[in-house]
Amino acid sequence: MVEELPKACWLVAAIMFAAATVVYGQQEPCFFVFGDSMSDNGNNNNLKSEAKVNFSPYGIDFPQGPTGRFSNGRTIPDIIAELSGFKDFIPPFAGASPGQAHTGMNYASGGSGLREETSEHLGDRISIRKQLQNHKTAITKANVPAERLQQCLYTINIGSNDYINNYFMSKPYNTKRRYTPKQYAYSLIIIYRSHLKNLYRLGARKVAVFGLSQIGCTPKIMKSHSDGKICSREVNEAVKIFNKNLDDLVMDFNKKVRGAKFTFVDLFSGGDPLAFKFLGFKVGDKSCCTVNPGEELCVPNQPVCENRTEYVFWDDLHSSEATNMVVAKGSFDGIITKPYSIAQLVKE
């Protein structure tokens, strides 16, 4: 668990133990994914949205090429699915056949947030509320048995856009003028609590809840809220408050919700540029792909770096496959989770 390791060392530990990661034969009957662009694998492709990446160079290291994944290769859920023994990637809800609800679906959407207005300037996106509605529709239409749903793995990674594309974006949003960082985090946790309750009512009993990373250290935020060379302390401090509250929420669910296991995935502690350097990453302050000034996504069909395993970030906001591998293995093995590793959820 996180508290058993020095905060700056969990990433190093994740790599040290990576070789010992056990890849299971498929233990879970299904895997359901909720979240934003860190998990999206194609749900935004046909939306009227600026938050979609079904074009080159995205997917340059992915077997199927550009699919809508916001990375050069696999996402964190992709790798968790592999470690859990799934032979195929979990399909996006968009375009999935009804029967796939028996083995899992990915509902995540780039730009989505806890608040409904988050990322509205980017166009269409599927909020977490709508993702849960889609899940209910899918499992109901496919008539997935309750007993099966209780054995499935669920991951949820949401909230980054509520800061990047809401609180710390003055136009067209006014949340920063209305809330202090503490008040804003509390308001988000109230929403989060209701959605976790809804997910539980829909049958979820094994849930990994991802905290937010140090988004103040992304190239986009370093440029907009700092000098482009160092992390934004203001942004990271606000995120830290949210993470503490989310951690407490997960622990509260474990105490009060019967027959379920929730675990918190700590993406923040130790996830700073210095820690990544210990892992062999050489570039942590800029993107691997070509990004135009003032933007965050890769320019279509423009040059990318050759040494992609040395870059923390793929574009100005999203992590590279190499980073996703570290996070996925760390969460699966329990290096960055509490009180359960994802492997423990899978084996139950």
Protein backbone atom coordinates (compact mmCIF):
# COMPACT_ATOMS: atom_id res chain seq x y z
CA MET A 1 0.00 0.00 0.00
CA VAL A 2 1.05 3.60 -0.54
CA GLU A 3 1.67 4.47 3.08
CA GLU A 4 4.20 1.66 3.41
CA LEU A 5 6.56 3.33 0.95
CA PRO A 6 8.26 6.72 0.89
CA LYS A 7 6.00 8.97 -1.16
CA ALA A 8 8.63 9.72 -3.78
CA CYS A 9 9.44 6.06 -4.37
CA TRP A 10 6.24 4.35 -5.47
CA LEU A 11 7.05 4.73 -9.16
CA VAL A 12 10.47 3.22 -8.66
CA ALA A 13 8.92 0.38 -6.70
CA ALA A 14 6.40 -0.20 -9.47
CA ILE A 15 9.18 -0.78 -11.97
CA MET A 16 11.25 -2.87 -9.56
CA PHE A 17 8.33 -5.20 -9.00
CA ALA A 18 7.11 -5.11 -12.60
CA ALA A 19 9.02 -8.24 -13.50
CA ALA A 20 7.22 -10.06 -10.72
CA THR A 21 3.75 -9.04 -11.89
CA VAL A 22 1.59 -12.11 -12.28
CA VAL A 23 -0.57 -12.23 -15.39
CA TYR A 24 -3.63 -14.23 -14.48
CA GLY A 25 -5.77 -16.46 -16.56
CA GLN A 26 -9.05 -14.60 -16.87
CA GLN A 27 -10.41 -14.45 -13.32
CA GLU A 28 -13.24 -11.99 -13.86
CA PRO A 29 -16.22 -12.65 -16.13
CA CYS A 30 -16.29 -8.99 -17.17
CA PHE A 31 -14.57 -5.61 -16.87
CA PHE A 32 -16.33 -2.25 -17.06
CA VAL A 33 -14.45 1.02 -17.54
CA PHE A 34 -15.65 4.56 -16.73
CA GLY A 35 -13.75 7.81 -17.05
CA ASP A 36 -12.28 10.47 -19.30
CA SER A 37 -9.60 10.62 -22.00
CA MET A 38 -7.16 8.60 -19.89
CA SER A 39 -9.49 5.63 -20.46
CA ASP A 40 -11.42 6.50 -23.65
CA ASN A 41 -10.81 3.97 -26.43
CA GLY A 42 -13.08 5.34 -29.15
CA ASN A 43 -16.35 6.53 -27.67
CA ASN A 44 -15.77 10.09 -28.89
CA ASN A 45 -14.89 9.19 -32.47
CA ASN A 46 -18.30 10.02 -33.92
CA LEU A 47 -19.17 12.89 -31.59
CA LYS A 48 -19.10 16.56 -32.60
CA SER A 49 -16.16 17.21 -30.34
CA GLU A 50 -12.64 18.56 -30.35
CA ALA A 51 -11.81 15.88 -27.79
CA LYS A 52 -11.23 12.99 -30.16
CA VAL A 53 -8.06 11.46 -31.56
CA ASN A 54 -8.99 8.91 -34.22
CA PHE A 55 -6.11 10.07 -36.42
CA SER A 56 -2.37 9.59 -36.81
CA PRO A 57 0.00 9.81 -34.98
CA TYR A 58 -2.25 8.55 -32.15
CA GLY A 59 -2.01 4.78 -31.97
CA ILE A 60 1.39 4.68 -33.67
CA ASP A 61 2.38 1.84 -31.31
CA PHE A 62 -1.07 0.25 -31.06
CA PRO A 63 -1.79 -2.88 -33.15
CA GLN A 64 -4.92 -1.38 -34.74
CA GLY A 65 -3.43 2.09 -35.24
CA PRO A 66 -5.56 5.15 -34.42
CA THR A 67 -8.64 3.96 -32.51
CA GLY A 68 -9.55 6.96 -30.39
CA ARG A 69 -7.10 6.21 -27.59
CA PHE A 70 -5.38 9.35 -26.31
CA SER A 71 -1.90 7.85 -26.42
CA ASN A 72 0.69 6.33 -28.72
CA GLY A 73 -0.32 2.86 -27.56
CA ARG A 74 -2.27 1.11 -24.84
CA THR A 75 -4.19 2.88 -22.11
CA ILE A 76 -4.19 2.02 -18.41
CA PRO A 77 -7.42 -0.05 -18.69
CA ASP A 78 -5.98 -1.90 -21.69
CA ILE A 79 -2.99 -3.03 -19.65
CA ILE A 80 -5.08 -3.87 -16.58
CA ALA A 81 -7.27 -6.05 -18.80
CA GLU A 82 -4.18 -7.86 -20.08
CA LEU A 83 -2.85 -8.39 -16.56
CA SER A 84 -6.27 -9.69 -15.50
CA GLY A 85 -6.13 -12.34 -18.21
CA PHE A 86 -8.53 -10.92 -20.79
CA LYS A 87 -7.54 -12.07 -24.25
CA ASP A 88 -9.15 -9.11 -26.02
CA PHE A 89 -9.30 -5.39 -25.28
CA ILE A 90 -12.52 -4.22 -23.67
CA PRO A 91 -14.60 -2.66 -26.51
CA PRO A 92 -15.94 0.91 -26.46
CA PHE A 93 -19.65 1.26 -25.76
CA ALA A 94 -20.05 3.13 -29.04
CA GLY A 95 -20.66 0.47 -31.67
CA ALA A 96 -20.44 -2.50 -29.29
CA SER A 97 -22.86 -5.37 -29.77
CA PRO A 98 -25.42 -5.90 -26.97
CA GLY A 99 -23.92 -9.27 -26.06
CA GLN A 100 -20.60 -7.68 -25.15
CA ALA A 101 -22.18 -6.39 -21.95
CA HIS A 102 -21.64 -9.92 -20.60
CA THR A 103 -17.85 -9.57 -20.85
CA GLY A 104 -17.41 -5.83 -20.39
CA MET A 105 -17.59 -2.42 -22.01
CA ASN A 106 -15.65 0.81 -21.89
CA TYR A 107 -17.89 3.87 -21.41
CA ALA A 108 -15.11 6.47 -20.94
CA SER A 109 -15.23 9.71 -22.90
CA GLY A 110 -12.54 12.31 -23.54
CA GLY A 111 -13.44 15.65 -21.96
CA SER A 112 -15.93 14.15 -19.52
CA GLY A 113 -16.13 15.20 -15.92
CA LEU A 114 -18.13 14.97 -12.76
CA ARG A 115 -19.83 18.29 -13.46
CA GLU A 116 -22.15 18.40 -16.46
CA GLU A 117 -20.75 21.66 -17.88
CA THR A 118 -17.11 20.52 -17.71
CA SER A 119 -15.39 20.72 -21.14
CA GLU A 120 -18.52 22.10 -22.82
CA HIS A 121 -16.28 24.41 -24.87
CA LEU A 122 -14.86 21.30 -26.59
CA GLY A 123 -18.25 20.14 -27.84
CA ASP A 124 -19.97 16.83 -27.21
CA ARG A 125 -18.73 14.49 -24.48
CA ILE A 126 -20.26 11.81 -22.31
CA SER A 127 -20.38 12.87 -18.67
CA ILE A 128 -20.00 10.31 -15.91
CA ARG A 129 -23.75 10.57 -15.27
CA LYS A 130 -24.47 9.62 -18.87
CA GLN A 131 -21.83 6.85 -18.77
CA LEU A 132 -23.68 5.24 -15.90
CA GLN A 133 -26.94 5.57 -17.82
CA ASN A 134 -25.29 3.84 -20.78
CA HIS A 135 -24.11 1.07 -18.47
CA LYS A 136 -27.59 0.55 -17.07
CA THR A 137 -29.01 0.42 -20.59
CA ALA A 138 -26.36 -2.06 -21.75
CA ILE A 139 -26.66 -4.55 -18.90
CA THR A 140 -30.46 -4.33 -18.91
CA LYS A 141 -30.74 -4.85 -22.66
CA ALA A 142 -28.35 -7.82 -22.51
CA ASN A 143 -30.04 -9.16 -19.38
CA VAL A 144 -26.73 -9.65 -17.57
CA PRO A 145 -27.36 -11.61 -14.35
CA ALA A 146 -26.84 -9.74 -11.08
CA GLU A 147 -24.56 -12.51 -9.83
CA ARG A 148 -22.29 -12.01 -12.83
CA LEU A 149 -22.17 -8.23 -12.41
CA GLN A 150 -21.07 -8.67 -8.80
CA GLN A 151 -18.04 -10.67 -9.95
CA CYS A 152 -16.87 -8.11 -12.50
CA LEU A 153 -14.04 -5.60 -12.18
CA TYR A 154 -14.89 -1.89 -12.42
CA THR A 155 -12.48 1.03 -12.81
CA ILE A 156 -13.35 4.70 -12.70
CA ASN A 157 -10.92 7.53 -13.48
CA ILE A 158 -12.68 10.90 -13.55
CA GLY A 159 -12.16 14.44 -12.29
CA SER A 160 -9.13 15.81 -14.13
CA ASN A 161 -11.25 17.77 -16.58
CA ASP A 162 -13.20 19.33 -13.74
CA TYR A 163 -9.95 21.14 -12.99
CA ILE A 164 -8.27 21.45 -16.40
CA ASN A 165 -11.39 22.29 -18.41
CA ASN A 166 -13.43 24.02 -15.73
CA TYR A 167 -11.98 25.32 -12.45
CA PHE A 168 -8.65 26.52 -13.89
CA MET A 169 -10.16 27.78 -17.17
CA SER A 170 -11.70 31.19 -16.53
CA LYS A 171 -13.69 31.37 -19.77
CA PRO A 172 -16.44 30.23 -20.14
CA TYR A 173 -16.39 28.88 -16.56
CA ASN A 174 -16.88 30.75 -13.29
CA THR A 175 -16.33 27.99 -10.74
CA LYS A 176 -13.01 29.42 -9.54
CA ARG A 177 -14.75 32.69 -8.70
CA ARG A 178 -17.53 30.85 -6.88
CA TYR A 179 -15.55 28.24 -4.92
CA THR A 180 -12.36 28.06 -2.94
CA PRO A 181 -10.27 24.96 -3.77
CA LYS A 182 -11.58 23.27 -0.63
CA GLN A 183 -15.21 24.09 -1.46
CA TYR A 184 -14.80 22.96 -5.07
CA ALA A 185 -13.27 19.63 -4.08
CA TYR A 186 -16.10 19.07 -1.62
CA SER A 187 -18.70 19.81 -4.30
CA LEU A 188 -17.08 17.27 -6.63
CA ILE A 189 -16.96 14.60 -3.94
CA ILE A 190 -20.70 15.01 -3.30
CA ILE A 191 -21.31 14.25 -6.98
CA TYR A 192 -18.80 11.40 -6.93
CA ARG A 193 -20.49 9.82 -3.90
CA SER A 194 -23.87 9.73 -5.65
CA HIS A 195 -22.38 8.08 -8.74
CA LEU A 196 -20.54 5.43 -6.72
CA LYS A 197 -23.78 4.67 -4.93
CA ASN A 198 -25.50 4.31 -8.29
CA LEU A 199 -22.75 2.03 -9.56
CA TYR A 200 -23.17 -0.13 -6.48
CA ARG A 201 -26.93 -0.32 -7.06
CA LEU A 202 -26.20 -1.51 -10.60
CA GLY A 203 -24.26 -4.46 -9.21
CA ALA A 204 -20.66 -3.27 -8.83
CA ARG A 205 -18.82 -4.92 -5.93
CA LYS A 206 -15.16 -4.69 -7.01
CA VAL A 207 -14.28 -1.11 -7.82
CA ALA A 208 -10.92 0.62 -8.34
CA VAL A 209 -11.28 4.40 -7.96
CA PHE A 210 -8.40 6.37 -9.48
CA GLY A 211 -7.29 9.60 -7.86
CA LEU A 212 -5.97 12.46 -9.97
CA SER A 213 -2.35 12.72 -11.05
CA GLN A 214 -0.18 15.80 -10.65
CA ILE A 215 -1.93 17.60 -13.49
CA GLY A 216 -0.01 20.73 -12.55
CA CYS A 217 3.02 18.94 -14.02
CA THR A 218 1.50 18.30 -17.46
CA PRO A 219 3.09 20.33 -20.27
CA LYS A 220 -0.25 22.06 -20.92
CA ILE A 221 -0.68 23.32 -17.35
CA MET A 222 3.02 24.09 -16.91
CA LYS A 223 2.71 26.45 -19.88
CA SER A 224 -0.62 28.02 -18.90
CA HIS A 225 -0.19 28.25 -15.12
CA SER A 226 3.59 28.33 -14.66
CA ASP A 227 6.70 29.26 -16.63
CA GLY A 228 6.66 26.12 -18.79
CA LYS A 229 9.56 24.58 -16.89
CA ILE A 230 8.21 23.84 -13.43
CA CYS A 231 4.95 22.39 -12.16
CA SER A 232 2.06 24.62 -11.15
CA ARG A 233 1.92 24.46 -7.38
CA GLU A 234 -1.52 26.12 -7.34
CA VAL A 235 -3.06 23.42 -9.51
CA ASN A 236 -1.37 20.54 -7.71
CA GLU A 237 -2.42 21.84 -4.30
CA ALA A 238 -6.05 22.00 -5.43
CA VAL A 239 -5.85 18.47 -6.80
CA LYS A 240 -4.28 17.25 -3.56
CA ILE A 241 -7.38 18.39 -1.64
CA PHE A 242 -9.65 16.50 -4.03
CA ASN A 243 -7.54 13.34 -3.74
CA LYS A 244 -7.61 13.41 0.06
CA ASN A 245 -11.38 13.69 0.02
CA LEU A 246 -11.71 10.93 -2.57
CA ASP A 247 -9.45 8.65 -0.55
CA ASP A 248 -11.65 9.28 2.49
CA LEU A 249 -14.76 8.59 0.41
CA VAL A 250 -13.42 5.21 -0.71
CA MET A 251 -12.54 4.25 2.85
CA ASP A 252 -16.01 5.33 3.98
CA PHE A 253 -17.62 3.12 1.34
CA ASN A 254 -15.60 0.14 2.55
CA LYS A 255 -16.88 0.69 6.08
CA LYS A 256 -20.53 1.29 5.23
CA VAL A 257 -21.29 -0.65 2.03
CA ARG A 258 -21.83 -4.35 2.61
CA GLY A 259 -20.37 -7.02 0.37
CA ALA A 260 -18.24 -4.70 -1.73
CA LYS A 261 -14.56 -3.83 -2.02
CA PHE A 262 -13.49 -0.38 -3.15
CA THR A 263 -9.84 0.56 -3.54
CA PHE A 264 -8.16 3.94 -4.06
CA VAL A 265 -5.44 4.29 -6.70
CA ASP A 266 -2.97 7.04 -5.78
CA LEU A 267 -1.65 8.61 -8.97
CA PHE A 268 -0.39 11.74 -7.22
CA SER A 269 2.20 10.70 -4.62
CA GLY A 270 5.63 10.47 -6.17
CA GLY A 271 4.32 11.22 -9.64
CA ASP A 272 6.55 14.22 -10.18
CA PRO A 273 9.19 14.72 -12.90
CA LEU A 274 12.07 13.86 -10.56
CA ALA A 275 10.54 10.50 -9.70
CA PHE A 276 10.09 9.65 -13.36
CA LYS A 277 13.77 10.37 -14.00
CA PHE A 278 14.68 7.58 -11.59
CA LEU A 279 12.78 5.22 -13.88
CA GLY A 280 14.77 6.10 -16.97
CA PHE A 281 12.33 8.62 -18.41
CA LYS A 282 14.41 11.41 -19.85
CA VAL A 283 11.72 13.90 -20.95
CA GLY A 284 8.98 14.95 -18.57
CA ASP A 285 8.23 18.54 -19.52
CA LYS A 286 7.26 18.27 -23.17
CA SER A 287 5.26 16.09 -25.52
CA CYS A 288 6.57 13.34 -27.75
CA CYS A 289 4.35 14.37 -30.65
CA THR A 290 4.13 17.76 -32.37
CA VAL A 291 1.70 20.10 -30.59
CA ASN A 292 0.82 23.58 -31.84
CA PRO A 293 1.24 26.51 -29.41
CA GLY A 294 -1.80 26.94 -27.19
CA GLU A 295 -3.15 23.48 -27.97
CA GLU A 296 -2.83 20.13 -26.23
CA LEU A 297 -3.39 17.40 -28.83
CA CYS A 298 -0.99 16.12 -31.46
CA VAL A 299 -1.03 17.78 -34.88
CA PRO A 300 -2.29 15.17 -37.39
CA ASN A 301 0.39 13.36 -39.36
CA GLN A 302 3.28 15.41 -38.00
CA PRO A 303 6.61 14.06 -36.66
CA VAL A 304 6.87 12.32 -33.31
CA CYS A 305 9.85 11.41 -31.15
CA GLU A 306 11.58 8.11 -31.86
CA ASN A 307 12.48 7.29 -28.25
CA ARG A 308 8.88 7.14 -27.05
CA THR A 309 9.68 4.97 -24.01
CA GLU A 310 11.71 7.87 -22.60
CA TYR A 311 8.82 10.37 -22.65
CA VAL A 312 6.36 10.72 -19.77
CA PHE A 313 3.86 12.51 -21.99
CA TRP A 314 2.60 11.65 -25.45
CA ASP A 315 0.89 14.98 -26.12
CA ASP A 316 0.68 18.04 -23.87
CA LEU A 317 -1.81 16.41 -21.52
CA HIS A 318 -1.90 12.63 -21.94
CA SER A 319 0.63 10.06 -20.86
CA SER A 320 2.66 7.79 -23.10
CA GLU A 321 2.16 4.04 -23.21
CA ALA A 322 5.37 3.65 -21.19
CA THR A 323 3.89 5.78 -18.39
CA ASN A 324 0.58 3.94 -18.63
CA MET A 325 2.46 0.67 -18.16
CA VAL A 326 4.05 1.90 -14.92
CA VAL A 327 0.71 3.10 -13.55
CA ALA A 328 -1.22 -0.01 -14.58
CA LYS A 329 1.33 -2.40 -13.07
CA GLY A 330 1.63 -0.30 -9.93
CA SER A 331 -2.13 -0.36 -9.42
CA PHE A 332 -2.45 -4.04 -10.28
CA ASP A 333 0.31 -5.08 -7.87
CA GLY A 334 -0.90 -2.76 -5.12
CA ILE A 335 2.16 -0.49 -5.04
CA ILE A 336 -0.08 2.59 -5.41
CA THR A 337 -3.41 1.32 -4.07
CA LYS A 338 -5.15 0.97 -0.73
CA PRO A 339 -6.56 -1.05 0.87
CA TYR A 340 -6.62 -3.62 -1.97
CA SER A 341 -4.55 -4.18 -5.07
CA ILE A 342 -6.46 -4.65 -8.31
CA ALA A 343 -4.99 -8.14 -8.40
CA GLN A 344 -6.74 -8.86 -5.11
CA LEU A 345 -10.03 -7.65 -6.54
CA VAL A 346 -9.51 -9.85 -9.57
CA LYS A 347 -8.75 -12.97 -7.50
CA GLU A 348 -11.71 -12.59 -5.13
